[in-house]
Amino acid sequence: MTDSTGRREFLHRVALLSGMPAALLAAVRTTASAQVTIPSEFDTSLESIAIAFRSANGMTLGYASQPKARGMYPGAVVVHDAGGLTTAVRGVARNLATSGYIVVAPDFLSPQGGTASLRGAPADIQRAVSETSAAAFASQASGAAGYLKSHGGSGRGVALIGYGWGGTQALAFAAGRTDIAACAAFYPDPQQSMKALAKLTAPTLAIFAADDPATSAGVQQFEQAAKSSRRSHTVKVFPGVMRGFHDPGETKLYKPDAAKEAWTLVVQHLDAHAKEAKAPASGQAG
């Protein structure tokens, strides 16, 4: 799916809204793996559309995906990295939807015209990201959470998954909030995110690439802060990989085995904390 296709999709189907603990890491090798292949935009098991919703600082564009099958699904927000709302981010939204979530991926660059309007120019995209204040981000993230609630999102609260810049922003946003059920962050900035850890009540899974020069220097200190917080925070560092190892679209960086393990960890983490606990089967012996 190209970004131009996503823009046509938006024009065609816009929807407006007003207004890991250690045991988890040990279990990942013995449980069924989460889906690794990114679902097609034409996957008939999903309902995937471009959306727009209102927040305090205006209209936010975005992308949503959820299972077509009727049911009660928890809501999740995917927070893009410094590249904006790209094809890969929309793929993440669809992938998470296959695991039983209603997923919204906001375009946090909407106040600057949106990712598509920047036509992939790195300098312009970086400028738009740098102009996105914490307050503007929080407003749009809150709007996304409101969209999920108004469109049937259930579960124990909203799940967050962020990448790079988005991972850092997601952790900062979740700090001190009681409506966030779980967070998963790939490559958050260790120094910036340590301040959030002390205030994060939502169980958090932070994933790092050992060979990523942008984060490697601060990961050990981040791990210590996670342990000292006495919260349900898990840090997983994948050896021998660079940032982007999780993304099939990054052909030179992608590491299938590590990506599979990382995504399985993420889905298990979100499922454990965001989905409603299943009631015991009728007649089951106590």
Protein backbone atom coordinates (compact mmCIF):
# COMPACT_ATOMS: atom_id res chain seq x y z
CA MET A 1 0.00 0.00 0.00
CA THR A 2 1.46 3.36 -1.03
CA ASP A 3 0.95 6.65 0.77
CA SER A 4 -0.92 7.97 -2.29
CA THR A 5 -3.29 5.02 -1.99
CA GLY A 6 -3.80 5.90 1.65
CA ARG A 7 -4.72 9.45 0.67
CA ARG A 8 -7.27 8.21 -1.88
CA GLU A 9 -8.58 5.87 0.79
CA PHE A 10 -9.02 8.84 3.12
CA LEU A 11 -10.93 10.85 0.55
CA HIS A 12 -13.12 7.86 -0.21
CA ARG A 13 -13.91 6.66 3.29
CA VAL A 14 -13.34 9.46 5.78
CA ALA A 15 -15.10 9.09 9.12
CA LEU A 16 -15.46 12.09 11.37
CA LEU A 17 -15.72 12.12 15.12
CA SER A 18 -16.82 15.20 16.96
CA GLY A 19 -16.41 16.35 20.10
CA MET A 20 6.40 -7.93 30.74
CA PRO A 21 7.21 -9.56 33.70
CA ALA A 22 9.95 -12.24 33.57
CA ALA A 23 7.38 -15.04 33.21
CA LEU A 24 6.16 -13.43 29.99
CA LEU A 25 9.66 -13.49 28.50
CA ALA A 26 10.12 -17.12 29.45
CA ALA A 27 6.78 -18.14 27.98
CA VAL A 28 7.31 -16.65 24.54
CA ARG A 29 9.27 -19.63 23.21
CA THR A 30 6.64 -22.15 24.24
CA THR A 31 3.50 -20.40 23.05
CA ALA A 32 2.04 -19.85 19.61
CA SER A 33 3.79 -17.06 17.73
CA ALA A 34 1.94 -13.96 16.67
CA GLN A 35 1.46 -13.33 12.98
CA VAL A 36 4.60 -12.01 11.29
CA THR A 37 3.41 -11.44 7.72
CA ILE A 38 1.87 -7.98 7.36
CA PRO A 39 -1.75 -8.38 6.23
CA SER A 40 -2.68 -6.91 2.87
CA GLU A 41 -4.79 -3.76 2.77
CA PHE A 42 -7.33 -5.98 0.97
CA ASP A 43 -7.41 -8.62 3.72
CA THR A 44 -11.06 -9.66 3.79
CA SER A 45 -10.95 -10.52 7.50
CA LEU A 46 -10.31 -6.86 8.38
CA GLU A 47 -12.10 -3.56 8.04
CA SER A 48 -9.33 -1.03 7.33
CA ILE A 49 -10.12 2.59 6.50
CA ALA A 50 -8.69 6.08 6.54
CA ILE A 51 -10.27 8.22 9.24
CA ALA A 52 -10.28 11.69 10.74
CA PHE A 53 -11.25 12.72 14.25
CA ARG A 54 -11.41 15.92 16.24
CA SER A 55 -9.05 16.80 19.05
CA ALA A 56 -8.51 19.99 21.04
CA ASN A 57 -6.07 21.33 18.44
CA GLY A 58 -8.13 20.55 15.35
CA MET A 59 -8.70 17.64 13.00
CA THR A 60 -6.35 14.66 13.04
CA LEU A 61 -6.06 12.33 10.08
CA GLY A 62 -5.33 8.67 10.62
CA TYR A 63 -5.88 5.04 9.77
CA ALA A 64 -8.01 2.42 11.51
CA SER A 65 -8.21 -1.36 11.29
CA GLN A 66 -10.28 -3.95 13.10
CA PRO A 67 -11.60 -7.48 12.61
CA LYS A 68 -14.73 -7.74 10.47
CA ALA A 69 -16.08 -10.51 12.66
CA ARG A 70 -18.48 -9.23 15.30
CA GLY A 71 -17.15 -9.15 18.82
CA MET A 72 -15.86 -7.04 21.66
CA TYR A 73 -12.30 -5.91 21.00
CA PRO A 74 -9.94 -3.78 23.10
CA GLY A 75 -8.71 -0.53 21.58
CA ALA A 76 -5.12 0.22 20.67
CA VAL A 77 -3.27 3.31 19.41
CA VAL A 78 -0.21 2.90 17.18
CA VAL A 79 2.17 5.86 17.44
CA HIS A 80 4.36 6.38 14.38
CA ASP A 81 8.06 7.19 14.46
CA ALA A 82 9.77 10.27 13.04
CA GLY A 83 8.85 9.21 9.50
CA GLY A 84 5.16 9.93 10.05
CA LEU A 85 2.13 7.80 9.15
CA THR A 86 3.72 5.56 6.51
CA THR A 87 2.77 2.36 4.72
CA ALA A 88 4.69 0.40 7.35
CA VAL A 89 2.76 1.99 10.22
CA ARG A 90 -0.55 1.18 8.57
CA GLY A 91 0.73 -2.38 8.22
CA VAL A 92 1.40 -2.51 11.97
CA ALA A 93 -2.19 -1.39 12.58
CA ARG A 94 -3.55 -4.21 10.40
CA ASN A 95 -1.20 -6.75 11.98
CA LEU A 96 -2.37 -5.84 15.48
CA ALA A 97 -6.00 -5.95 14.32
CA THR A 98 -5.54 -9.61 13.34
CA SER A 99 -4.79 -10.30 17.00
CA GLY A 100 -8.21 -8.98 18.00
CA TYR A 101 -7.93 -5.20 18.44
CA ILE A 102 -9.63 -2.10 17.18
CA VAL A 103 -6.59 -0.09 16.13
CA VAL A 104 -6.12 3.59 15.37
CA ALA A 105 -2.88 4.98 13.93
CA PRO A 106 -3.11 8.78 14.09
CA ASP A 107 -1.08 11.04 11.84
CA PHE A 108 0.49 13.27 14.47
CA LEU A 109 1.75 15.55 11.71
CA SER A 110 -1.81 16.53 10.79
CA PRO A 111 -1.45 20.12 12.13
CA GLN A 112 1.36 20.57 9.60
CA GLY A 113 -0.77 19.19 6.77
CA GLY A 114 -0.23 15.48 7.37
CA THR A 115 2.48 13.05 6.32
CA ALA A 116 1.18 12.64 2.76
CA SER A 117 1.29 16.39 2.12
CA LEU A 118 5.00 16.43 2.97
CA ARG A 119 5.63 14.06 0.03
CA GLY A 120 8.29 12.05 1.83
CA ALA A 121 10.77 14.94 2.06
CA PRO A 122 12.94 14.00 5.07
CA ALA A 123 13.79 17.59 6.04
CA ASP A 124 10.15 18.67 5.97
CA ILE A 125 9.00 15.61 7.90
CA GLN A 126 11.71 16.13 10.53
CA ARG A 127 10.70 19.77 10.86
CA ALA A 128 7.05 18.79 11.33
CA VAL A 129 8.00 16.24 13.98
CA SER A 130 10.12 18.77 15.86
CA GLU A 131 7.20 21.23 15.79
CA THR A 132 4.87 18.69 17.43
CA SER A 133 4.79 19.73 21.08
CA ALA A 134 4.02 17.38 23.95
CA ALA A 135 0.73 19.21 24.45
CA ALA A 136 -0.24 18.81 20.78
CA PHE A 137 0.67 15.13 20.89
CA ALA A 138 -1.36 14.58 24.06
CA SER A 139 -4.37 16.30 22.52
CA GLN A 140 -4.28 14.08 19.45
CA ALA A 141 -3.58 10.90 21.45
CA SER A 142 -6.54 11.71 23.69
CA GLY A 143 -8.66 12.22 20.58
CA ALA A 144 -7.58 8.80 19.31
CA ALA A 145 -8.54 7.22 22.63
CA GLY A 146 -11.91 8.94 22.39
CA TYR A 147 -12.36 7.62 18.85
CA LEU A 148 -11.72 4.07 20.08
CA LYS A 149 -14.21 4.38 22.90
CA SER A 150 -16.90 5.74 20.60
CA HIS A 151 -16.30 2.96 18.05
CA GLY A 152 -16.71 0.00 20.34
CA GLY A 153 -13.30 -0.40 21.95
CA SER A 154 -13.63 -2.55 25.06
CA GLY A 155 -11.12 -4.22 27.37
CA ARG A 156 -9.44 -2.86 30.47
CA GLY A 157 -8.29 0.35 28.82
CA VAL A 158 -6.39 1.62 25.79
CA ALA A 159 -3.21 -0.14 24.66
CA LEU A 160 -0.35 1.91 23.22
CA ILE A 161 2.41 0.79 20.87
CA GLY A 162 5.00 3.27 19.62
CA TYR A 163 8.17 3.30 17.56
CA GLY A 164 11.23 5.52 18.02
CA TRP A 165 9.95 9.06 18.48
CA GLY A 166 6.50 7.53 18.90
CA GLY A 167 7.71 5.15 21.60
CA THR A 168 9.13 8.04 23.59
CA GLN A 169 5.95 10.09 23.14
CA ALA A 170 3.70 7.14 24.03
CA LEU A 171 5.47 6.54 27.34
CA ALA A 172 5.36 10.23 28.25
CA PHE A 173 1.65 10.41 27.37
CA ALA A 174 0.80 7.31 29.43
CA ALA A 175 2.61 8.55 32.54
CA GLY A 176 0.09 9.29 35.26
CA ARG A 177 -2.95 8.21 33.21
CA THR A 178 -5.32 5.54 34.49
CA ASP A 179 -7.06 4.84 31.17
CA ILE A 180 -3.97 3.27 29.57
CA ALA A 181 -3.96 -0.49 30.10
CA ALA A 182 -0.57 -1.36 28.59
CA CYS A 183 2.32 0.15 26.65
CA ALA A 184 4.80 -1.33 24.21
CA ALA A 185 7.61 0.86 22.92
CA PHE A 186 10.26 0.07 20.33
CA TYR A 187 13.46 2.13 20.70
CA PRO A 188 12.20 4.87 23.04
CA ASP A 189 14.79 7.48 23.95
CA PRO A 190 16.21 6.07 27.22
CA GLN A 191 17.08 9.42 28.80
CA GLN A 192 13.75 11.08 28.05
CA SER A 193 11.69 8.00 28.91
CA MET A 194 13.26 7.37 32.32
CA LYS A 195 11.33 10.33 33.71
CA ALA A 196 8.09 8.73 32.54
CA LEU A 197 8.83 5.33 34.07
CA ALA A 198 8.42 6.59 37.62
CA LYS A 199 4.89 7.80 36.82
CA LEU A 200 3.82 4.94 34.56
CA THR A 201 1.26 2.69 36.20
CA ALA A 202 0.45 0.83 32.98
CA PRO A 203 2.59 -2.31 32.49
CA THR A 204 5.24 -1.43 29.93
CA LEU A 205 7.35 -3.46 27.51
CA ALA A 206 10.35 -1.59 26.07
CA ILE A 207 12.24 -3.17 23.17
CA PHE A 208 15.71 -2.08 22.10
CA ALA A 209 18.20 -3.07 19.41
CA ALA A 210 21.62 -3.70 20.96
CA ASP A 211 23.48 -2.21 17.97
CA ASP A 212 21.40 0.96 17.79
CA PRO A 213 23.79 3.87 18.51
CA ALA A 214 20.87 6.19 19.26
CA THR A 215 19.83 4.22 22.35
CA SER A 216 22.60 1.79 23.31
CA ALA A 217 24.40 4.18 25.65
CA GLY A 218 21.36 4.65 27.87
CA VAL A 219 19.70 1.24 27.82
CA GLN A 220 21.42 -0.12 30.92
CA GLN A 221 20.39 2.92 32.94
CA PHE A 222 16.85 2.61 31.55
CA GLU A 223 16.72 -1.05 32.63
CA GLN A 224 17.79 -0.10 36.14
CA ALA A 225 15.15 2.62 36.29
CA ALA A 226 12.52 0.10 35.19
CA LYS A 227 13.55 -2.28 38.00
CA SER A 228 13.68 0.52 40.56
CA SER A 229 10.18 1.70 39.68
CA ARG A 230 8.68 -1.46 41.24
CA ARG A 231 6.13 -1.43 38.46
CA SER A 232 5.35 -4.17 35.94
CA HIS A 233 7.89 -2.95 33.40
CA THR A 234 9.89 -5.28 31.14
CA VAL A 235 12.93 -4.38 29.04
CA LYS A 236 14.06 -6.63 26.19
CA VAL A 237 17.31 -5.93 24.32
CA PHE A 238 17.82 -7.89 21.10
CA PRO A 239 21.51 -8.61 20.44
CA GLY A 240 23.16 -8.23 17.05
CA VAL A 241 20.41 -6.12 15.47
CA MET A 242 19.89 -2.52 14.47
CA ARG A 243 16.86 -0.26 14.79
CA GLY A 244 14.38 -1.39 12.15
CA PHE A 245 15.00 -5.11 12.66
CA HIS A 246 11.26 -5.58 13.28
CA ASP A 247 10.13 -4.14 9.93
CA PRO A 248 9.88 -6.44 6.87
CA GLY A 249 10.05 -3.32 4.70
CA GLU A 250 13.58 -2.55 5.94
CA THR A 251 15.19 -5.28 3.84
CA LYS A 252 18.79 -4.52 4.94
CA LEU A 253 17.90 -4.34 8.64
CA TYR A 254 15.08 -6.87 8.98
CA LYS A 255 15.86 -9.93 11.08
CA PRO A 256 12.96 -12.41 10.74
CA ASP A 257 13.62 -14.48 13.86
CA ALA A 258 14.15 -11.49 16.14
CA ALA A 259 11.18 -9.69 14.57
CA LYS A 260 8.96 -12.72 15.18
CA GLU A 261 10.03 -12.94 18.81
CA ALA A 262 9.60 -9.20 19.37
CA TRP A 263 6.12 -9.08 17.86
CA THR A 264 5.05 -12.15 19.83
CA LEU A 265 6.24 -10.47 23.02
CA VAL A 266 4.29 -7.32 22.15
CA VAL A 267 1.02 -9.15 21.45
CA GLN A 268 1.33 -11.29 24.57
CA HIS A 269 2.05 -8.20 26.66
CA LEU A 270 -0.92 -6.27 25.31
CA ASP A 271 -3.23 -9.30 25.54
CA ALA A 272 -2.25 -9.94 29.16
CA HIS A 273 -3.07 -6.42 30.28
CA ALA A 274 -5.54 -4.89 27.82
CA LYS A 275 -7.95 -7.71 27.04
CA GLU A 276 -10.73 -8.68 29.44
CA ALA A 277 -10.00 -11.85 31.38
CA LYS A 278 -11.98 -14.80 30.06
CA ALA A 279 -14.67 -16.14 32.33
CA PRO A 280 -14.29 -19.81 33.38
CA ALA A 281 -16.16 -22.25 31.16
CA SER A 282 -19.63 -23.18 32.39
CA GLY A 283 -19.53 -26.24 34.60
CA GLN A 284 -15.76 -26.14 34.99
CA ALA A 285 -14.59 -27.73 38.20
CA GLY A 286 -13.21 -25.30 40.73
